[in-house]
N, C-alpha and C. Protein backbone atom coordinates (compact mmCIF):
# COMPACT_ATOMS: atom_id res chain seq x y z
N UNK A 1 0.84 -1.18 0.00
CA UNK A 1 0.00 0.00 0.00
C UNK A 1 0.88 1.23 0.00
N UNK A 2 0.34 2.32 -0.52
CA UNK A 2 1.07 3.58 -0.59
C UNK A 2 0.97 4.31 0.75
N UNK A 3 1.82 5.32 0.93
CA UNK A 3 1.90 6.05 2.19
C UNK A 3 0.56 6.73 2.53
N UNK A 4 -0.14 7.25 1.55
CA UNK A 4 -1.43 7.90 1.79
C UNK A 4 -2.46 6.93 2.33
N UNK A 5 -2.47 5.73 1.79
CA UNK A 5 -3.41 4.71 2.26
C UNK A 5 -3.06 4.28 3.69
N UNK A 6 -1.78 4.10 3.96
CA UNK A 6 -1.36 3.74 5.32
C UNK A 6 -1.75 4.85 6.30
N UNK A 7 -1.57 6.09 5.89
CA UNK A 7 -1.95 7.22 6.71
C UNK A 7 -3.44 7.20 7.00
N UNK A 8 -4.24 6.97 5.97
CA UNK A 8 -5.70 6.94 6.13
C UNK A 8 -6.14 5.79 7.03
N UNK A 9 -5.53 4.65 6.89
CA UNK A 9 -5.91 3.47 7.68
C UNK A 9 -5.53 3.60 9.15
N UNK A 10 -4.44 4.29 9.43
CA UNK A 10 -3.95 4.37 10.81
C UNK A 10 -4.26 5.70 11.50
N UNK A 11 -4.61 6.71 10.71
CA UNK A 11 -4.85 8.03 11.29
C UNK A 11 -3.56 8.77 11.63
N UNK A 12 -2.44 8.27 11.14
CA UNK A 12 -1.13 8.87 11.40
C UNK A 12 -0.75 9.69 10.16
N UNK A 13 -0.26 10.88 10.39
CA UNK A 13 0.06 11.76 9.26
C UNK A 13 1.19 11.18 8.40
N UNK A 14 1.19 11.58 7.15
CA UNK A 14 2.24 11.17 6.22
C UNK A 14 3.59 11.64 6.74
N UNK A 15 3.62 12.83 7.29
CA UNK A 15 4.87 13.35 7.85
C UNK A 15 5.40 12.45 8.96
N UNK A 16 4.51 11.99 9.85
CA UNK A 16 4.93 11.09 10.93
C UNK A 16 5.42 9.76 10.37
N UNK A 17 4.75 9.24 9.36
CA UNK A 17 5.18 7.98 8.75
C UNK A 17 6.58 8.12 8.16
N UNK A 18 6.84 9.23 7.52
CA UNK A 18 8.18 9.48 6.98
C UNK A 18 9.20 9.57 8.11
N UNK A 19 8.81 10.21 9.22
CA UNK A 19 9.69 10.30 10.39
C UNK A 19 9.99 8.90 10.95
N UNK A 20 8.96 8.06 11.05
CA UNK A 20 9.17 6.69 11.54
C UNK A 20 10.16 5.96 10.63
N UNK A 21 10.06 6.21 9.35
CA UNK A 21 11.00 5.59 8.41
C UNK A 21 12.41 6.09 8.68
N UNK A 22 12.57 7.40 8.87
CA UNK A 22 13.90 7.96 9.17
C UNK A 22 14.49 7.36 10.44
N UNK A 23 13.63 7.07 11.41
CA UNK A 23 14.06 6.53 12.69
C UNK A 23 14.29 5.01 12.64
N UNK A 24 14.03 4.42 11.50
CA UNK A 24 14.24 2.98 11.34
C UNK A 24 13.10 2.13 11.88
N UNK A 25 11.95 2.75 12.13
CA UNK A 25 10.81 2.00 12.66
C UNK A 25 9.96 1.38 11.57
N UNK A 26 9.98 1.96 10.41
CA UNK A 26 9.27 1.43 9.24
C UNK A 26 10.27 1.30 8.10
N UNK A 27 10.09 0.26 7.30
CA UNK A 27 11.01 0.06 6.17
C UNK A 27 10.22 -0.29 4.92
N UNK A 28 9.65 0.73 4.27
CA UNK A 28 8.93 0.44 3.04
C UNK A 28 9.90 0.12 1.91
N UNK A 29 9.37 -0.55 0.93
CA UNK A 29 10.16 -0.84 -0.28
C UNK A 29 9.97 0.35 -1.22
N UNK A 30 11.04 0.77 -1.85
CA UNK A 30 10.95 1.87 -2.82
C UNK A 30 10.73 1.29 -4.21
N UNK A 31 9.71 1.76 -4.88
CA UNK A 31 9.45 1.33 -6.24
C UNK A 31 10.37 2.08 -7.19
N UNK A 32 10.40 1.67 -8.45
CA UNK A 32 11.26 2.32 -9.45
C UNK A 32 10.95 3.82 -9.58
N UNK A 33 9.69 4.18 -9.38
CA UNK A 33 9.31 5.59 -9.49
C UNK A 33 9.57 6.37 -8.19
N UNK A 34 10.15 5.71 -7.19
CA UNK A 34 10.49 6.37 -5.93
C UNK A 34 9.40 6.32 -4.88
N UNK A 35 8.22 5.84 -5.25
CA UNK A 35 7.13 5.75 -4.28
C UNK A 35 7.42 4.69 -3.24
N UNK A 36 6.94 4.94 -2.03
CA UNK A 36 7.07 3.96 -0.95
C UNK A 36 5.94 2.94 -1.09
N UNK A 37 6.28 1.70 -0.88
CA UNK A 37 5.28 0.63 -0.88
C UNK A 37 5.39 -0.10 0.45
N UNK A 38 4.31 -0.04 1.22
CA UNK A 38 4.29 -0.65 2.55
C UNK A 38 3.64 -2.01 2.50
N UNK A 39 4.16 -2.91 3.29
CA UNK A 39 3.57 -4.26 3.37
C UNK A 39 2.27 -4.18 4.15
N UNK A 40 1.42 -5.21 4.04
CA UNK A 40 0.18 -5.23 4.81
C UNK A 40 0.42 -5.20 6.33
N UNK A 41 1.58 -5.63 6.78
CA UNK A 41 1.91 -5.64 8.20
C UNK A 41 2.24 -4.24 8.73
N UNK A 42 2.47 -3.29 7.85
CA UNK A 42 2.85 -1.94 8.26
C UNK A 42 1.76 -1.27 9.09
N UNK A 43 0.51 -1.60 8.80
CA UNK A 43 -0.60 -1.01 9.56
C UNK A 43 -0.49 -1.41 11.04
N UNK A 44 -0.28 -2.68 11.31
CA UNK A 44 -0.11 -3.15 12.69
C UNK A 44 1.14 -2.53 13.31
N UNK A 45 2.18 -2.46 12.52
CA UNK A 45 3.44 -1.89 13.00
C UNK A 45 3.24 -0.43 13.45
N UNK A 46 2.53 0.35 12.67
CA UNK A 46 2.27 1.74 13.02
C UNK A 46 1.43 1.82 14.29
N UNK A 47 0.46 0.95 14.43
CA UNK A 47 -0.37 0.95 15.64
C UNK A 47 0.47 0.62 16.88
N UNK A 48 1.40 -0.30 16.74
CA UNK A 48 2.29 -0.65 17.85
C UNK A 48 3.18 0.54 18.19
N UNK A 49 3.71 1.19 17.18
CA UNK A 49 4.55 2.38 17.39
C UNK A 49 3.74 3.45 18.13
N UNK A 50 2.52 3.69 17.69
CA UNK A 50 1.66 4.68 18.33
C UNK A 50 1.38 4.32 19.79
N UNK A 51 1.18 3.04 20.07
CA UNK A 51 0.94 2.60 21.44
C UNK A 51 2.14 2.96 22.33
N UNK A 52 3.34 2.63 21.87
CA UNK A 52 4.52 2.91 22.68
C UNK A 52 4.78 4.41 22.82
N UNK A 53 4.49 5.16 21.78
CA UNK A 53 4.61 6.61 21.89
C UNK A 53 3.63 7.15 22.92
N UNK A 54 2.44 6.56 23.00
CA UNK A 54 1.44 7.01 23.98
C UNK A 54 1.89 6.72 25.41
N UNK A 55 2.82 5.81 25.59
CA UNK A 55 3.39 5.51 26.91
C UNK A 55 4.55 6.45 27.24
N UNK A 56 4.88 7.32 26.29
CA UNK A 56 5.99 8.25 26.50
C UNK A 56 7.34 7.66 26.14
N UNK A 57 7.34 6.54 25.45
CA UNK A 57 8.59 5.90 25.02
C UNK A 57 9.06 6.62 23.75
N UNK A 58 10.36 6.91 23.67
CA UNK A 58 10.89 7.64 22.51
C UNK A 58 11.05 6.70 21.32
N UNK A 59 11.14 7.30 20.13
CA UNK A 59 11.32 6.48 18.93
C UNK A 59 12.65 5.75 18.96
N UNK A 60 13.65 6.34 19.58
CA UNK A 60 14.96 5.66 19.70
C UNK A 60 14.80 4.41 20.56
N UNK A 61 14.09 4.54 21.67
CA UNK A 61 13.86 3.38 22.54
C UNK A 61 13.00 2.33 21.83
N UNK A 62 11.97 2.78 21.14
CA UNK A 62 11.09 1.85 20.42
C UNK A 62 11.89 1.07 19.39
N UNK A 63 12.79 1.75 18.70
CA UNK A 63 13.60 1.08 17.68
C UNK A 63 14.41 -0.07 18.27
N UNK A 64 14.75 0.04 19.55
CA UNK A 64 15.55 -0.99 20.20
C UNK A 64 14.81 -2.29 20.46
N UNK A 65 13.47 -2.24 20.48
CA UNK A 65 12.73 -3.48 20.78
C UNK A 65 11.55 -3.75 19.84
N UNK A 66 11.27 -2.86 18.92
CA UNK A 66 10.09 -3.00 18.06
C UNK A 66 10.06 -4.33 17.32
N UNK A 67 11.16 -4.69 16.71
CA UNK A 67 11.20 -5.94 15.95
C UNK A 67 10.84 -7.12 16.85
N UNK A 68 11.37 -7.11 18.06
CA UNK A 68 11.11 -8.20 19.00
C UNK A 68 9.63 -8.28 19.36
N UNK A 69 9.02 -7.15 19.73
CA UNK A 69 7.62 -7.20 20.16
C UNK A 69 6.66 -7.48 19.00
N UNK A 70 7.07 -7.17 17.80
CA UNK A 70 6.23 -7.52 16.65
C UNK A 70 6.26 -9.03 16.38
N UNK A 71 7.35 -9.66 16.78
CA UNK A 71 7.50 -11.10 16.54
C UNK A 71 7.00 -11.94 17.72
N UNK A 72 7.17 -11.39 18.94
CA UNK A 72 6.82 -12.14 20.15
C UNK A 72 6.10 -11.23 21.14
N UNK A 73 5.71 -11.79 22.26
CA UNK A 73 5.08 -11.00 23.32
C UNK A 73 6.13 -10.17 24.03
N UNK A 74 5.67 -9.08 24.64
CA UNK A 74 6.59 -8.18 25.35
C UNK A 74 7.44 -8.90 26.39
N UNK A 75 6.84 -9.82 27.10
CA UNK A 75 7.59 -10.46 28.20
C UNK A 75 8.78 -11.26 27.70
N UNK A 76 8.82 -11.57 26.42
CA UNK A 76 9.96 -12.30 25.86
C UNK A 76 11.03 -11.36 25.31
N UNK A 77 10.79 -10.07 25.39
CA UNK A 77 11.72 -9.07 24.86
C UNK A 77 12.42 -8.39 26.04
N UNK A 78 13.64 -8.76 26.29
CA UNK A 78 14.37 -8.29 27.48
C UNK A 78 14.59 -6.78 27.49
N UNK A 79 14.49 -6.13 26.36
CA UNK A 79 14.73 -4.69 26.29
C UNK A 79 13.56 -3.86 26.83
N UNK A 80 12.37 -4.44 26.89
CA UNK A 80 11.16 -3.69 27.21
C UNK A 80 11.08 -3.32 28.69
N UNK A 81 11.24 -4.27 29.58
CA UNK A 81 11.05 -4.03 31.01
C UNK A 81 11.97 -2.93 31.57
N UNK A 82 13.25 -2.92 31.24
CA UNK A 82 14.09 -1.82 31.74
C UNK A 82 13.62 -0.45 31.26
N UNK A 83 13.13 -0.36 30.04
CA UNK A 83 12.64 0.91 29.52
C UNK A 83 11.37 1.32 30.26
N UNK A 84 10.48 0.37 30.52
CA UNK A 84 9.27 0.67 31.30
C UNK A 84 9.65 1.18 32.69
N UNK A 85 10.59 0.51 33.33
CA UNK A 85 11.00 0.92 34.68
C UNK A 85 11.63 2.31 34.66
N UNK A 86 12.45 2.58 33.66
CA UNK A 86 13.07 3.90 33.53
C UNK A 86 12.01 4.97 33.33
N UNK A 87 11.05 4.70 32.45
CA UNK A 87 9.98 5.67 32.17
C UNK A 87 9.15 5.92 33.42
N UNK A 88 8.85 4.87 34.17
CA UNK A 88 8.08 5.02 35.40
C UNK A 88 8.85 5.88 36.41
N UNK A 89 10.15 5.69 36.50
CA UNK A 89 10.97 6.53 37.37
C UNK A 89 10.93 7.98 36.95
N UNK A 90 10.99 8.23 35.65
CA UNK A 90 10.91 9.60 35.14
C UNK A 90 9.57 10.23 35.48
N UNK A 91 8.51 9.46 35.35
CA UNK A 91 7.17 9.97 35.66
C UNK A 91 7.04 10.25 37.15
N UNK A 92 7.56 9.36 37.98
CA UNK A 92 7.54 9.60 39.43
C UNK A 92 8.26 10.89 39.78
N UNK A 93 9.39 11.15 39.14
CA UNK A 93 10.15 12.37 39.38
C UNK A 93 9.35 13.60 38.93
N UNK A 94 8.69 13.50 37.77
CA UNK A 94 7.86 14.61 37.29
C UNK A 94 6.71 14.88 38.26
N UNK A 95 6.11 13.83 38.77
CA UNK A 95 5.02 13.99 39.74
C UNK A 95 5.54 14.68 41.00
N UNK A 96 6.70 14.27 41.47
CA UNK A 96 7.30 14.89 42.65
C UNK A 96 7.54 16.38 42.42
N UNK A 97 8.10 16.71 41.27
CA UNK A 97 8.35 18.12 40.95
C UNK A 97 7.06 18.91 40.85
N UNK A 98 6.07 18.34 40.20
CA UNK A 98 4.78 19.02 40.07
C UNK A 98 4.10 19.18 41.43
N UNK A 99 4.25 18.20 42.30
CA UNK A 99 3.67 18.30 43.64
C UNK A 99 4.33 19.44 44.41
N UNK A 100 5.65 19.59 44.25
CA UNK A 100 6.35 20.70 44.90
C UNK A 100 5.85 22.04 44.37
N UNK A 101 5.68 22.14 43.07
CA UNK A 101 5.17 23.38 42.47
C UNK A 101 3.77 23.66 42.98
N UNK A 102 2.93 22.63 43.04
CA UNK A 102 1.56 22.78 43.53
C UNK A 102 1.56 23.28 44.97
N UNK A 103 2.38 22.69 45.80
CA UNK A 103 2.47 23.10 47.21
C UNK A 103 2.91 24.55 47.31
N UNK A 104 3.91 24.93 46.54
CA UNK A 104 4.39 26.32 46.54
C UNK A 104 3.30 27.30 46.10
N UNK A 105 2.56 26.94 45.08
CA UNK A 105 1.47 27.80 44.61
C UNK A 105 0.37 27.92 45.67
N UNK A 106 0.03 26.80 46.28
CA UNK A 106 -0.98 26.84 47.34
C UNK A 106 -0.53 27.75 48.49
N UNK A 107 0.75 27.66 48.85
CA UNK A 107 1.29 28.51 49.91
C UNK A 107 1.20 29.99 49.52
N UNK A 108 1.55 30.30 48.28
CA UNK A 108 1.50 31.69 47.82
C UNK A 108 0.06 32.21 47.83
N UNK A 109 -0.87 31.39 47.36
CA UNK A 109 -2.29 31.79 47.35
C UNK A 109 -2.77 32.04 48.77
N UNK A 110 -2.45 31.12 49.66
CA UNK A 110 -2.85 31.26 51.06
C UNK A 110 -2.27 32.54 51.67
N UNK A 111 -1.03 32.82 51.37
CA UNK A 111 -0.37 34.02 51.88
C UNK A 111 -1.05 35.29 51.38
N UNK A 112 -1.36 35.33 50.10
CA UNK A 112 -2.02 36.50 49.52
C UNK A 112 -3.41 36.70 50.12
N UNK A 113 -4.17 35.61 50.24
CA UNK A 113 -5.52 35.69 50.81
C UNK A 113 -5.45 36.18 52.26
N UNK A 114 -4.51 35.65 53.02
CA UNK A 114 -4.36 36.08 54.42
C UNK A 114 -4.00 37.57 54.51
N UNK A 115 -3.12 38.03 53.65
CA UNK A 115 -2.76 39.46 53.64
C UNK A 115 -3.96 40.33 53.29
N UNK A 116 -4.75 39.87 52.30
CA UNK A 116 -5.94 40.64 51.92
C UNK A 116 -6.93 40.71 53.08
N UNK A 117 -7.10 39.57 53.78
CA UNK A 117 -8.03 39.54 54.92
C UNK A 117 -7.54 40.45 56.04
N UNK A 118 -6.22 40.47 56.28
CA UNK A 118 -5.65 41.34 57.30
C UNK A 118 -5.87 42.81 56.94
N UNK A 119 -5.67 43.13 55.66
CA UNK A 119 -5.89 44.51 55.21
C UNK A 119 -7.34 44.92 55.37
N UNK A 120 -8.27 44.02 55.07
CA UNK A 120 -9.69 44.33 55.20
C UNK A 120 -10.05 44.54 56.67
N UNK A 121 -9.51 43.72 57.56
CA UNK A 121 -9.81 43.84 58.98
C UNK A 121 -9.22 45.13 59.56
N UNK A 122 -8.04 45.52 59.13
CA UNK A 122 -7.42 46.74 59.67
C UNK A 122 -8.16 47.98 59.16
N UNK A 123 -8.75 47.90 57.99
CA UNK A 123 -9.49 49.06 57.49
C UNK A 123 -10.89 49.13 58.10
N UNK A 124 -11.35 48.04 58.73
CA UNK A 124 -12.66 48.02 59.38
C UNK A 124 -12.64 48.74 60.72
N UNK A 125 -11.53 48.90 61.34
CA UNK A 125 -11.43 49.48 62.68
C UNK A 125 -11.54 50.95 62.67
């Protein structure tokens, strides 16, 4: 199938499909006229790529295990679990940082509200 058809079937832009090719995630055959020809398996491959991207896994990381997970289950691909653990650690760190920011903002809001209330009470006297 041509790149436009693959794009329509998967909902992934042509630009993204070309990017996946540059990253080594897709390998279409080039016809004599230069057009890309994708195998019927490319649709599943793109869906798998999209799934891993939705988990926050980078295309470089996906390239390291994509072939394996397309052939076998994830649990048989030794590269997957360490990447999942690393990503989970990154997310935990982001949550910690966001929690700190949230706490700081709550403190600032509380401080401003208290100052406003103090000003209102002093002007009431």
